[in-house]
């Protein structure tokens, strides 16, 4: 896939977005929406510039302190606590509250680290890698591969490892609602070699299939609710998940490569490329798809159970009515 040329935020907001950027709306944004986007961009730029003046560990610790204090005061805190209750009904309210508070501190570190990801790589010694040979083998043999994970710890660390491996990989992502900010995020990820790809609509699907058909790889975070997706189990309850990653894995190799990341100390991480998980091929595509999605959900669940404070709880993973 040929990457689109970089353009400024005004170009992005006024014209058809390039492939890596999905449109926010089919309608042209109003003046006031543009103004709001610009204000958000100024805040993003100021915060990023401030963070980049700091050493990595200091910036990460600052994020933990600020978000650790403010997070529990926001409306998102109720969503976090309810998610923990749905996932861990056996835990006491006090235990779930403790996990929630730890979560806010750790996600604060992650947000503060995002503008610094060009400094948080295997080459800088901040990321240990287990199973790197699996990515090297995919790269060496030009074998199509589907890499699957979730919003674990600092999930951007997994992207840094993919780049470090030399694997030709397209990272599918959900664009930010603000196209100005989205352009900045995409630009910052390019600093350490990540090729972002907004896999929405027919162009997105064709682009991912094109990469795989040429022996490349695609990487997806497959742990958020998708009401138009595939139903499957998650922590003993039914959830709806995107089926795109499972479909691609079924088409290319009947397997997917799960990845995970854990925070070690401060802004240091361990990324693991696990053994590939084989998918069934019974001839019943609908049943095979549900089984594949269930395996993805089971992998993500196992990682969350190991480190419950290191998953992104601040979204409604289960049915919306369960949060009322």
C-alpha atoms as a PDB file:
ATOM      1  CA  UNK A   1       0.000   0.000   0.000  1.00  0.00           C
ATOM      2  CA  UNK A   2       1.379   3.400  -0.926  1.00  0.00           C
ATOM      3  CA  UNK A   3       1.155   5.836   1.933  1.00  0.00           C
ATOM      4  CA  UNK A   4      -0.733   9.062   1.333  1.00  0.00           C
ATOM      5  CA  UNK A   5       1.337  12.229   1.326  1.00  0.00           C
ATOM      6  CA  UNK A   6       1.294  14.250   4.538  1.00  0.00           C
ATOM      7  CA  UNK A   7      -1.072  17.191   4.539  1.00  0.00           C
ATOM      8  CA  UNK A   8      -1.967  19.924   6.980  1.00  0.00           C
ATOM      9  CA  UNK A   9      -5.006  19.834   9.256  1.00  0.00           C
ATOM     10  CA  UNK A  10      -6.965  22.345   7.114  1.00  0.00           C
ATOM     11  CA  UNK A  11      -6.522  20.152   4.056  1.00  0.00           C
ATOM     12  CA  UNK A  12      -7.687  17.117   6.023  1.00  0.00           C
ATOM     13  CA  UNK A  13     -10.775  18.817   7.399  1.00  0.00           C
ATOM     14  CA  UNK A  14     -11.854  20.287   4.031  1.00  0.00           C
ATOM     15  CA  UNK A  15     -11.220  17.448   1.656  1.00  0.00           C
ATOM     16  CA  UNK A  16     -11.627  13.725   1.399  1.00  0.00           C
ATOM     17  CA  UNK A  17      -9.312  12.157   4.000  1.00  0.00           C
ATOM     18  CA  UNK A  18      -6.400   9.976   2.886  1.00  0.00           C
ATOM     19  CA  UNK A  19      -6.595   6.266   3.483  1.00  0.00           C
ATOM     20  CA  UNK A  20      -5.011   6.411   6.916  1.00  0.00           C
ATOM     21  CA  UNK A  21      -7.624   8.905   8.112  1.00  0.00           C
ATOM     22  CA  UNK A  22     -11.314   8.018   8.228  1.00  0.00           C
ATOM     23  CA  UNK A  23     -13.881  10.783   7.926  1.00  0.00           C
ATOM     24  CA  UNK A  24     -15.600  11.934  11.073  1.00  0.00           C
ATOM     25  CA  UNK A  25     -18.843  12.659   9.279  1.00  0.00           C
ATOM     26  CA  UNK A  26     -20.293  12.649   5.793  1.00  0.00           C
ATOM     27  CA  UNK A  27     -21.328  16.271   6.332  1.00  0.00           C
ATOM     28  CA  UNK A  28     -18.939  19.206   6.124  1.00  0.00           C
ATOM     29  CA  UNK A  29     -17.908  20.374   9.598  1.00  0.00           C
ATOM     30  CA  UNK A  30     -19.406  23.642  10.786  1.00  0.00           C
ATOM     31  CA  UNK A  31     -17.342  26.708  11.616  1.00  0.00           C
ATOM     32  CA  UNK A  32     -17.875  26.098  15.332  1.00  0.00           C
ATOM     33  CA  UNK A  33     -16.819  22.479  15.072  1.00  0.00           C
ATOM     34  CA  UNK A  34     -13.649  23.549  13.270  1.00  0.00           C
ATOM     35  CA  UNK A  35     -13.026  26.112  16.001  1.00  0.00           C
ATOM     36  CA  UNK A  36     -13.471  23.480  18.684  1.00  0.00           C
ATOM     37  CA  UNK A  37     -11.096  21.160  16.852  1.00  0.00           C
ATOM     38  CA  UNK A  38      -8.500  23.932  16.662  1.00  0.00           C
ATOM     39  CA  UNK A  39      -8.798  24.633  20.384  1.00  0.00           C
ATOM     40  CA  UNK A  40      -8.317  20.932  21.137  1.00  0.00           C
ATOM     41  CA  UNK A  41      -5.294  20.869  18.834  1.00  0.00           C
ATOM     42  CA  UNK A  42      -3.696  23.806  20.669  1.00  0.00           C
ATOM     43  CA  UNK A  43      -4.146  21.976  23.966  1.00  0.00           C
ATOM     44  CA  UNK A  44      -2.707  18.789  22.471  1.00  0.00           C
ATOM     45  CA  UNK A  45       0.293  20.626  21.014  1.00  0.00           C
ATOM     46  CA  UNK A  46       1.039  22.476  24.250  1.00  0.00           C
ATOM     47  CA  UNK A  47       0.807  19.300  26.324  1.00  0.00           C
ATOM     48  CA  UNK A  48       2.960  17.339  23.858  1.00  0.00           C
ATOM     49  CA  UNK A  49       5.586  20.081  23.726  1.00  0.00           C
ATOM     50  CA  UNK A  50       5.733  20.208  27.530  1.00  0.00           C
ATOM     51  CA  UNK A  51       6.065  16.457  27.835  1.00  0.00           C
ATOM     52  CA  UNK A  52       8.829  16.324  25.224  1.00  0.00           C
ATOM     53  CA  UNK A  53      10.968  18.723  27.268  1.00  0.00           C
ATOM     54  CA  UNK A  54      11.084  16.187  30.100  1.00  0.00           C
ATOM     55  CA  UNK A  55      13.081  12.983  30.553  1.00  0.00           C
ATOM     56  CA  UNK A  56      10.963   9.926  29.769  1.00  0.00           C
ATOM     57  CA  UNK A  57      10.643   8.708  33.354  1.00  0.00           C
ATOM     58  CA  UNK A  58       9.781  12.179  34.656  1.00  0.00           C
ATOM     59  CA  UNK A  59       7.086  12.667  32.010  1.00  0.00           C
ATOM     60  CA  UNK A  60       5.609   9.235  32.730  1.00  0.00           C
ATOM     61  CA  UNK A  61       5.549   9.900  36.483  1.00  0.00           C
ATOM     62  CA  UNK A  62       3.929  13.290  35.908  1.00  0.00           C
ATOM     63  CA  UNK A  63       1.152  11.610  33.918  1.00  0.00           C
ATOM     64  CA  UNK A  64       0.579   9.133  36.723  1.00  0.00           C
ATOM     65  CA  UNK A  65       0.306  11.897  39.301  1.00  0.00           C
ATOM     66  CA  UNK A  66      -2.046  14.144  37.333  1.00  0.00           C
ATOM     67  CA  UNK A  67      -4.403  11.518  35.918  1.00  0.00           C
ATOM     68  CA  UNK A  68      -4.212   9.462  39.084  1.00  0.00           C
ATOM     69  CA  UNK A  69      -5.748  12.410  40.953  1.00  0.00           C
ATOM     70  CA  UNK A  70      -8.161  13.715  38.303  1.00  0.00           C
ATOM     71  CA  UNK A  71      -9.352  10.423  36.787  1.00  0.00           C
ATOM     72  CA  UNK A  72     -11.432   9.278  39.778  1.00  0.00           C
ATOM     73  CA  UNK A  73     -13.178  12.680  39.789  1.00  0.00           C
ATOM     74  CA  UNK A  74     -14.491  12.323  36.218  1.00  0.00           C
ATOM     75  CA  UNK A  75     -17.639  10.678  34.927  1.00  0.00           C
ATOM     76  CA  UNK A  76     -15.470   7.967  33.385  1.00  0.00           C
ATOM     77  CA  UNK A  77     -14.688   6.637  36.850  1.00  0.00           C
ATOM     78  CA  UNK A  78     -18.202   5.212  37.144  1.00  0.00           C
ATOM     79  CA  UNK A  79     -17.702   3.369  33.834  1.00  0.00           C
ATOM     80  CA  UNK A  80     -14.401   1.977  35.096  1.00  0.00           C
ATOM     81  CA  UNK A  81     -15.937   0.722  38.346  1.00  0.00           C
ATOM     82  CA  UNK A  82     -18.927  -0.808  36.571  1.00  0.00           C
ATOM     83  CA  UNK A  83     -16.670  -2.585  34.088  1.00  0.00           C
ATOM     84  CA  UNK A  84     -14.625  -4.017  36.922  1.00  0.00           C
ATOM     85  CA  UNK A  85     -17.823  -5.166  38.627  1.00  0.00           C
ATOM     86  CA  UNK A  86     -18.989  -6.928  35.453  1.00  0.00           C
ATOM     87  CA  UNK A  87     -15.620  -8.598  34.947  1.00  0.00           C
ATOM     88  CA  UNK A  88     -14.797  -9.410  38.582  1.00  0.00           C
ATOM     89  CA  UNK A  89     -18.052  -9.871  40.531  1.00  0.00           C
ATOM     90  CA  UNK A  90     -16.170 -12.088  42.977  1.00  0.00           C
ATOM     91  CA  UNK A  91     -13.944  -9.208  44.126  1.00  0.00           C
ATOM     92  CA  UNK A  92     -14.993  -6.899  46.943  1.00  0.00           C
ATOM     93  CA  UNK A  93     -15.972  -3.291  46.158  1.00  0.00           C
ATOM     94  CA  UNK A  94     -12.843  -2.158  47.981  1.00  0.00           C
ATOM     95  CA  UNK A  95     -10.645  -4.393  45.813  1.00  0.00           C
ATOM     96  CA  UNK A  96     -12.271  -3.100  42.621  1.00  0.00           C
ATOM     97  CA  UNK A  97     -11.846   0.496  43.779  1.00  0.00           C
ATOM     98  CA  UNK A  98      -8.157  -0.149  44.406  1.00  0.00           C
ATOM     99  CA  UNK A  99      -7.767  -1.561  40.874  1.00  0.00           C
ATOM    100  CA  UNK A 100      -9.601   1.450  39.455  1.00  0.00           C
ATOM    101  CA  UNK A 101      -7.280   3.890  41.220  1.00  0.00           C
ATOM    102  CA  UNK A 102      -4.233   1.959  40.028  1.00  0.00           C
ATOM    103  CA  UNK A 103      -5.685   1.976  36.516  1.00  0.00           C
ATOM    104  CA  UNK A 104      -5.953   5.775  36.451  1.00  0.00           C
ATOM    105  CA  UNK A 105      -2.327   6.157  37.469  1.00  0.00           C
ATOM    106  CA  UNK A 106      -1.112   3.703  34.854  1.00  0.00           C
ATOM    107  CA  UNK A 107      -3.236   5.071  32.035  1.00  0.00           C
ATOM    108  CA  UNK A 108      -1.944   8.516  32.988  1.00  0.00           C
ATOM    109  CA  UNK A 109       1.570   7.225  32.454  1.00  0.00           C
ATOM    110  CA  UNK A 110       0.538   5.795  29.091  1.00  0.00           C
ATOM    111  CA  UNK A 111      -0.989   9.067  27.873  1.00  0.00           C
ATOM    112  CA  UNK A 112       2.102  11.010  28.936  1.00  0.00           C
ATOM    113  CA  UNK A 113       4.325   8.506  27.128  1.00  0.00           C
ATOM    114  CA  UNK A 114       2.516   8.748  23.789  1.00  0.00           C
ATOM    115  CA  UNK A 115       4.400  11.864  22.586  1.00  0.00           C
ATOM    116  CA  UNK A 116       7.671  10.177  23.574  1.00  0.00           C
ATOM    117  CA  UNK A 117       7.323   6.848  21.817  1.00  0.00           C
ATOM    118  CA  UNK A 118      10.269   7.565  19.559  1.00  0.00           C
ATOM    119  CA  UNK A 119      12.316   7.314  22.790  1.00  0.00           C
ATOM    120  CA  UNK A 120      10.565   4.186  24.092  1.00  0.00           C
ATOM    121  CA  UNK A 121      11.750   1.424  21.775  1.00  0.00           C
ATOM    122  CA  UNK A 122      13.751  -1.798  21.951  1.00  0.00           C
ATOM    123  CA  UNK A 123      16.744   0.140  20.621  1.00  0.00           C
ATOM    124  CA  UNK A 124      16.688   2.513  23.602  1.00  0.00           C
ATOM    125  CA  UNK A 125      16.542  -0.424  26.017  1.00  0.00           C
ATOM    126  CA  UNK A 126      13.112   0.476  27.373  1.00  0.00           C
ATOM    127  CA  UNK A 127      11.309  -2.469  25.786  1.00  0.00           C
ATOM    128  CA  UNK A 128      12.228  -6.104  26.383  1.00  0.00           C
ATOM    129  CA  UNK A 129      10.938  -8.487  23.727  1.00  0.00           C
ATOM    130  CA  UNK A 130       9.974 -12.145  24.099  1.00  0.00           C
ATOM    131  CA  UNK A 131       9.283 -14.171  20.955  1.00  0.00           C
ATOM    132  CA  UNK A 132      10.780 -11.665  18.526  1.00  0.00           C
ATOM    133  CA  UNK A 133      11.896 -14.579  16.351  1.00  0.00           C
ATOM    134  CA  UNK A 134       8.266 -15.118  15.334  1.00  0.00           C
ATOM    135  CA  UNK A 135       8.101 -11.693  13.721  1.00  0.00           C
ATOM    136  CA  UNK A 136      11.540 -12.204  12.172  1.00  0.00           C
ATOM    137  CA  UNK A 137      10.316 -15.443  10.613  1.00  0.00           C
ATOM    138  CA  UNK A 138       7.258 -13.759   9.124  1.00  0.00           C
ATOM    139  CA  UNK A 139       9.484 -11.028   7.707  1.00  0.00           C
ATOM    140  CA  UNK A 140      12.083 -13.463   6.365  1.00  0.00           C
ATOM    141  CA  UNK A 141       9.578 -15.740   4.632  1.00  0.00           C
ATOM    142  CA  UNK A 142       7.203 -12.956   3.522  1.00  0.00           C
ATOM    143  CA  UNK A 143       4.348 -14.906   5.076  1.00  0.00           C
ATOM    144  CA  UNK A 144       1.077 -13.089   5.666  1.00  0.00           C
ATOM    145  CA  UNK A 145       0.364 -12.647   9.336  1.00  0.00           C
ATOM    146  CA  UNK A 146      -2.425 -11.174  11.442  1.00  0.00           C
ATOM    147  CA  UNK A 147      -1.239  -9.739  14.777  1.00  0.00           C
ATOM    148  CA  UNK A 148      -3.932  -9.335  17.415  1.00  0.00           C
ATOM    149  CA  UNK A 149      -3.902  -7.660  20.803  1.00  0.00           C
ATOM    150  CA  UNK A 150      -5.850  -5.244  22.989  1.00  0.00           C
ATOM    151  CA  UNK A 151      -5.438  -1.925  24.788  1.00  0.00           C
ATOM    152  CA  UNK A 152      -2.984  -3.342  27.321  1.00  0.00           C
ATOM    153  CA  UNK A 153      -0.552  -1.238  29.360  1.00  0.00           C
ATOM    154  CA  UNK A 154       1.084   1.117  26.834  1.00  0.00           C
ATOM    155  CA  UNK A 155      -0.166  -0.594  23.682  1.00  0.00           C
ATOM    156  CA  UNK A 156       2.021   1.642  21.510  1.00  0.00           C
ATOM    157  CA  UNK A 157       5.025  -0.349  22.753  1.00  0.00           C
ATOM    158  CA  UNK A 158       3.809  -3.291  20.658  1.00  0.00           C
ATOM    159  CA  UNK A 159       3.875  -1.100  17.555  1.00  0.00           C
ATOM    160  CA  UNK A 160       7.447  -0.109  18.366  1.00  0.00           C
ATOM    161  CA  UNK A 161       8.419  -3.787  18.512  1.00  0.00           C
ATOM    162  CA  UNK A 162       6.768  -4.501  15.164  1.00  0.00           C
ATOM    163  CA  UNK A 163       8.784  -1.683  13.588  1.00  0.00           C
ATOM    164  CA  UNK A 164      11.962  -2.927  15.311  1.00  0.00           C
ATOM    165  CA  UNK A 165      11.443  -6.429  13.849  1.00  0.00           C
ATOM    166  CA  UNK A 166      11.589  -5.179  10.266  1.00  0.00           C
ATOM    167  CA  UNK A 167       8.212  -6.726   9.477  1.00  0.00           C
ATOM    168  CA  UNK A 168       6.213  -4.970   6.758  1.00  0.00           C
ATOM    169  CA  UNK A 169       3.051  -4.299   8.734  1.00  0.00           C
ATOM    170  CA  UNK A 170       0.004  -2.063   8.504  1.00  0.00           C
ATOM    171  CA  UNK A 171      -1.447  -1.049  11.869  1.00  0.00           C
ATOM    172  CA  UNK A 172      -5.206  -0.709  11.743  1.00  0.00           C
ATOM    173  CA  UNK A 173      -6.560   1.929  14.098  1.00  0.00           C
ATOM    174  CA  UNK A 174      -9.641   3.950  14.976  1.00  0.00           C
ATOM    175  CA  UNK A 175      -9.036   7.615  14.112  1.00  0.00           C
ATOM    176  CA  UNK A 176      -9.584  10.365  16.648  1.00  0.00           C
ATOM    177  CA  UNK A 177     -12.827  12.287  16.162  1.00  0.00           C
ATOM    178  CA  UNK A 178     -10.838  15.504  15.731  1.00  0.00           C
ATOM    179  CA  UNK A 179      -9.052  15.277  12.335  1.00  0.00           C
ATOM    180  CA  UNK A 180      -6.527  17.957  13.346  1.00  0.00           C
ATOM    181  CA  UNK A 181      -5.453  15.966  16.394  1.00  0.00           C
ATOM    182  CA  UNK A 182      -5.603  12.740  14.424  1.00  0.00           C
ATOM    183  CA  UNK A 183      -3.107  14.149  11.925  1.00  0.00           C
ATOM    184  CA  UNK A 184      -0.754  15.031  14.795  1.00  0.00           C
ATOM    185  CA  UNK A 185      -1.052  11.551  16.304  1.00  0.00           C
ATOM    186  CA  UNK A 186      -0.368   9.916  12.949  1.00  0.00           C
ATOM    187  CA  UNK A 187       2.633  12.191  12.442  1.00  0.00           C
ATOM    188  CA  UNK A 188       4.061  11.368  15.881  1.00  0.00           C
ATOM    189  CA  UNK A 189       3.718   7.646  15.212  1.00  0.00           C
ATOM    190  CA  UNK A 190       5.579   8.018  11.960  1.00  0.00           C
ATOM    191  CA  UNK A 191       8.531   9.351  13.968  1.00  0.00           C
ATOM    192  CA  UNK A 192       9.271   5.781  15.005  1.00  0.00           C
ATOM    193  CA  UNK A 193       8.173   4.157  11.748  1.00  0.00           C
ATOM    194  CA  UNK A 194       4.555   3.106  12.339  1.00  0.00           C
ATOM    195  CA  UNK A 195       2.330   3.004   9.258  1.00  0.00           C
ATOM    196  CA  UNK A 196      -1.188   3.773  10.450  1.00  0.00           C
ATOM    197  CA  UNK A 197      -4.189   2.606   8.468  1.00  0.00           C
ATOM    198  CA  UNK A 198      -7.814   3.510   9.212  1.00  0.00           C
ATOM    199  CA  UNK A 199      -9.562   0.304   8.205  1.00  0.00           C
ATOM    200  CA  UNK A 200     -13.032   1.702   7.636  1.00  0.00           C
ATOM    201  CA  UNK A 201     -15.156   1.075   4.579  1.00  0.00           C
ATOM    202  CA  UNK A 202     -14.236  -0.768   1.405  1.00  0.00           C
ATOM    203  CA  UNK A 203     -10.961   1.127   0.876  1.00  0.00           C
ATOM    204  CA  UNK A 204      -9.748   0.100   4.304  1.00  0.00           C
ATOM    205  CA  UNK A 205     -10.608  -3.563   3.809  1.00  0.00           C
ATOM    206  CA  UNK A 206      -8.993  -3.640   0.378  1.00  0.00           C
ATOM    207  CA  UNK A 207      -5.849  -2.035   1.751  1.00  0.00           C
ATOM    208  CA  UNK A 208      -5.459  -4.611   4.525  1.00  0.00           C
ATOM    209  CA  UNK A 209      -6.146  -7.499   2.167  1.00  0.00           C
ATOM    210  CA  UNK A 210      -3.667  -6.015  -0.302  1.00  0.00           C
ATOM    211  CA  UNK A 211      -0.938  -5.926   2.350  1.00  0.00           C
ATOM    212  CA  UNK A 212      -1.592  -9.541   3.363  1.00  0.00           C
ATOM    213  CA  UNK A 213      -1.781 -10.805  -0.212  1.00  0.00           C
ATOM    214  CA  UNK A 214       1.736  -9.437  -0.792  1.00  0.00           C
ATOM    215  CA  UNK A 215       3.136 -11.303   2.199  1.00  0.00           C
ATOM    216  CA  UNK A 216       2.872  -8.450   4.653  1.00  0.00           C
ATOM    217  CA  UNK A 217       1.202  -8.302   8.026  1.00  0.00           C
ATOM    218  CA  UNK A 218      -1.591  -6.360   9.676  1.00  0.00           C
ATOM    219  CA  UNK A 219      -1.955  -5.520  13.371  1.00  0.00           C
ATOM    220  CA  UNK A 220      -5.232  -4.849  15.143  1.00  0.00           C
ATOM    221  CA  UNK A 221      -6.404  -4.045  18.667  1.00  0.00           C
ATOM    222  CA  UNK A 222      -9.526  -6.187  18.901  1.00  0.00           C
ATOM    223  CA  UNK A 223     -10.965  -5.482  22.345  1.00  0.00           C
ATOM    224  CA  UNK A 224     -13.576  -2.734  21.983  1.00  0.00           C
ATOM    225  CA  UNK A 225     -17.314  -2.993  21.519  1.00  0.00           C
ATOM    226  CA  UNK A 226     -18.557  -3.166  17.939  1.00  0.00           C
ATOM    227  CA  UNK A 227     -22.345  -3.377  17.816  1.00  0.00           C
ATOM    228  CA  UNK A 228     -22.204  -4.408  14.156  1.00  0.00           C
ATOM    229  CA  UNK A 229     -19.658  -7.135  14.819  1.00  0.00           C
ATOM    230  CA  UNK A 230     -19.707 -10.714  16.100  1.00  0.00           C
ATOM    231  CA  UNK A 231     -21.156 -11.884  19.398  1.00  0.00           C
ATOM    232  CA  UNK A 232     -18.927 -13.864  21.717  1.00  0.00           C
ATOM    233  CA  UNK A 233     -18.072 -14.526  25.377  1.00  0.00           C
ATOM    234  CA  UNK A 234     -15.936 -12.182  27.477  1.00  0.00           C
ATOM    235  CA  UNK A 235     -15.565 -12.618  31.238  1.00  0.00           C
ATOM    236  CA  UNK A 236     -18.599 -14.909  31.199  1.00  0.00           C
ATOM    237  CA  UNK A 237     -20.862 -12.382  29.473  1.00  0.00           C
ATOM    238  CA  UNK A 238     -21.810 -11.881  25.861  1.00  0.00           C
ATOM    239  CA  UNK A 239     -20.154  -8.952  24.049  1.00  0.00           C
ATOM    240  CA  UNK A 240     -19.994  -7.722  20.467  1.00  0.00           C
ATOM    241  CA  UNK A 241     -16.552  -7.573  18.883  1.00  0.00           C
ATOM    242  CA  UNK A 242     -15.183  -6.505  15.516  1.00  0.00           C
ATOM    243  CA  UNK A 243     -14.931  -9.502  13.222  1.00  0.00           C
ATOM    244  CA  UNK A 244     -12.466  -8.051  10.720  1.00  0.00           C
ATOM    245  CA  UNK A 245      -9.325  -9.401  12.351  1.00  0.00           C
ATOM    246  CA  UNK A 246     -10.810 -12.874  12.691  1.00  0.00           C
ATOM    247  CA  UNK A 247     -11.941 -12.877   9.057  1.00  0.00           C
ATOM    248  CA  UNK A 248      -8.475 -11.869   7.869  1.00  0.00           C
ATOM    249  CA  UNK A 249      -6.842 -14.554  10.018  1.00  0.00           C
ATOM    250  CA  UNK A 250      -9.237 -17.163   8.619  1.00  0.00           C
ATOM    251  CA  UNK A 251      -8.381 -16.123   5.072  1.00  0.00           C
ATOM    252  CA  UNK A 252      -4.619 -15.906   5.551  1.00  0.00           C
ATOM    253  CA  UNK A 253      -3.127 -18.876   7.339  1.00  0.00           C
ATOM    254  CA  UNK A 254      -6.017 -19.928   9.616  1.00  0.00           C
ATOM    255  CA  UNK A 255      -4.157 -18.499  12.588  1.00  0.00           C
ATOM    256  CA  UNK A 256      -3.368 -15.250  14.362  1.00  0.00           C
ATOM    257  CA  UNK A 257      -0.351 -14.105  16.328  1.00  0.00           C
ATOM    258  CA  UNK A 258      -1.364 -12.719  19.739  1.00  0.00           C
ATOM    259  CA  UNK A 259       0.790 -10.009  21.289  1.00  0.00           C
ATOM    260  CA  UNK A 260       0.805  -8.566  24.783  1.00  0.00           C
ATOM    261  CA  UNK A 261       2.644  -5.920  26.769  1.00  0.00           C
ATOM    262  CA  UNK A 262       3.168  -5.386  30.489  1.00  0.00           C
ATOM    263  CA  UNK A 263       4.668  -2.468  32.347  1.00  0.00           C
ATOM    264  CA  UNK A 264       7.816  -3.377  34.267  1.00  0.00           C
ATOM    265  CA  UNK A 265       8.957  -0.294  36.159  1.00  0.00           C
ATOM    266  CA  UNK A 266       8.287   3.302  35.274  1.00  0.00           C
ATOM    267  CA  UNK A 267       8.387   3.678  31.495  1.00  0.00           C
ATOM    268  CA  UNK A 268       9.842   0.251  30.775  1.00  0.00           C
ATOM    269  CA  UNK A 269       7.959  -2.655  29.228  1.00  0.00           C
ATOM    270  CA  UNK A 270       8.016  -6.287  28.192  1.00  0.00           C
ATOM    271  CA  UNK A 271       6.337  -7.153  24.896  1.00  0.00           C
ATOM    272  CA  UNK A 272       5.587 -10.796  24.110  1.00  0.00           C
ATOM    273  CA  UNK A 273       4.777 -12.288  20.726  1.00  0.00           C
ATOM    274  CA  UNK A 274       2.984 -15.475  21.720  1.00  0.00           C
ATOM    275  CA  UNK A 275       2.663 -18.788  19.915  1.00  0.00           C
ATOM    276  CA  UNK A 276       0.212 -18.451  17.005  1.00  0.00           C
ATOM    277  CA  UNK A 277      -3.323 -19.562  17.802  1.00  0.00           C
ATOM    278  CA  UNK A 278      -4.773 -21.901  15.198  1.00  0.00           C
ATOM    279  CA  UNK A 279      -8.345 -21.423  13.998  1.00  0.00           C
ATOM    280  CA  UNK A 280     -10.848 -24.091  13.069  1.00  0.00           C
ATOM    281  CA  UNK A 281     -11.993 -24.706   9.507  1.00  0.00           C
ATOM    282  CA  UNK A 282     -15.170 -26.780   9.565  1.00  0.00           C
ATOM    283  CA  UNK A 283     -16.642 -25.402   6.369  1.00  0.00           C
ATOM    284  CA  UNK A 284     -19.272 -23.505   8.348  1.00  0.00           C
ATOM    285  CA  UNK A 285     -17.918 -19.969   7.960  1.00  0.00           C
ATOM    286  CA  UNK A 286     -20.360 -18.373  10.407  1.00  0.00           C
ATOM    287  CA  UNK A 287     -19.537 -20.881  13.145  1.00  0.00           C
ATOM    288  CA  UNK A 288     -15.808 -20.647  12.423  1.00  0.00           C
ATOM    289  CA  UNK A 289     -15.961 -16.855  12.656  1.00  0.00           C
ATOM    290  CA  UNK A 290     -17.678 -16.983  16.049  1.00  0.00           C
ATOM    291  CA  UNK A 291     -15.093 -19.487  17.246  1.00  0.00           C
ATOM    292  CA  UNK A 292     -12.245 -17.258  16.036  1.00  0.00           C
ATOM    293  CA  UNK A 293     -13.654 -14.186  17.783  1.00  0.00           C
ATOM    294  CA  UNK A 294     -14.131 -16.244  20.959  1.00  0.00           C
ATOM    295  CA  UNK A 295     -10.430 -17.196  20.859  1.00  0.00           C
ATOM    296  CA  UNK A 296      -9.410 -13.559  20.477  1.00  0.00           C
ATOM    297  CA  UNK A 297     -11.663 -12.567  23.381  1.00  0.00           C
ATOM    298  CA  UNK A 298     -10.255 -15.398  25.506  1.00  0.00           C
ATOM    299  CA  UNK A 299      -6.682 -14.265  24.865  1.00  0.00           C
ATOM    300  CA  UNK A 300      -7.438 -10.648  25.802  1.00  0.00           C
ATOM    301  CA  UNK A 301      -9.353 -11.775  28.893  1.00  0.00           C
ATOM    302  CA  UNK A 302      -6.419 -13.890  30.059  1.00  0.00           C
ATOM    303  CA  UNK A 303      -4.082 -10.888  29.790  1.00  0.00           C
ATOM    304  CA  UNK A 304      -6.510  -8.680  31.725  1.00  0.00           C
ATOM    305  CA  UNK A 305      -6.881 -11.247  34.489  1.00  0.00           C
ATOM    306  CA  UNK A 306      -3.113 -11.303  34.877  1.00  0.00           C
ATOM    307  CA  UNK A 307      -2.846  -7.493  35.111  1.00  0.00           C
ATOM    308  CA  UNK A 308      -6.323  -6.012  35.642  1.00  0.00           C
ATOM    309  CA  UNK A 309      -5.086  -2.439  36.214  1.00  0.00           C
ATOM    310  CA  UNK A 310      -3.325  -2.412  32.826  1.00  0.00           C
ATOM    311  CA  UNK A 311      -6.351  -2.616  30.548  1.00  0.00           C
ATOM    312  CA  UNK A 312      -8.313   0.361  29.202  1.00  0.00           C
ATOM    313  CA  UNK A 313     -11.432   0.189  31.385  1.00  0.00           C
ATOM    314  CA  UNK A 314     -12.687   3.683  30.532  1.00  0.00           C
ATOM    315  CA  UNK A 315     -15.012   2.524  27.744  1.00  0.00           C
ATOM    316  CA  UNK A 316     -18.226   0.493  27.721  1.00  0.00           C
ATOM    317  CA  UNK A 317     -17.036  -2.942  26.600  1.00  0.00           C
ATOM    318  CA  UNK A 318     -20.259  -4.697  27.538  1.00  0.00           C
ATOM    319  CA  UNK A 319     -23.804  -3.842  26.470  1.00  0.00           C
ATOM    320  CA  UNK A 320     -24.599  -0.187  27.113  1.00  0.00           C
ATOM    321  CA  UNK A 321     -27.671  -1.014  29.183  1.00  0.00           C
ATOM    322  CA  UNK A 322     -25.463  -2.836  31.711  1.00  0.00           C
ATOM    323  CA  UNK A 323     -23.891   0.527  32.588  1.00  0.00           C
ATOM    324  CA  UNK A 324     -27.180   2.305  33.359  1.00  0.00           C
END
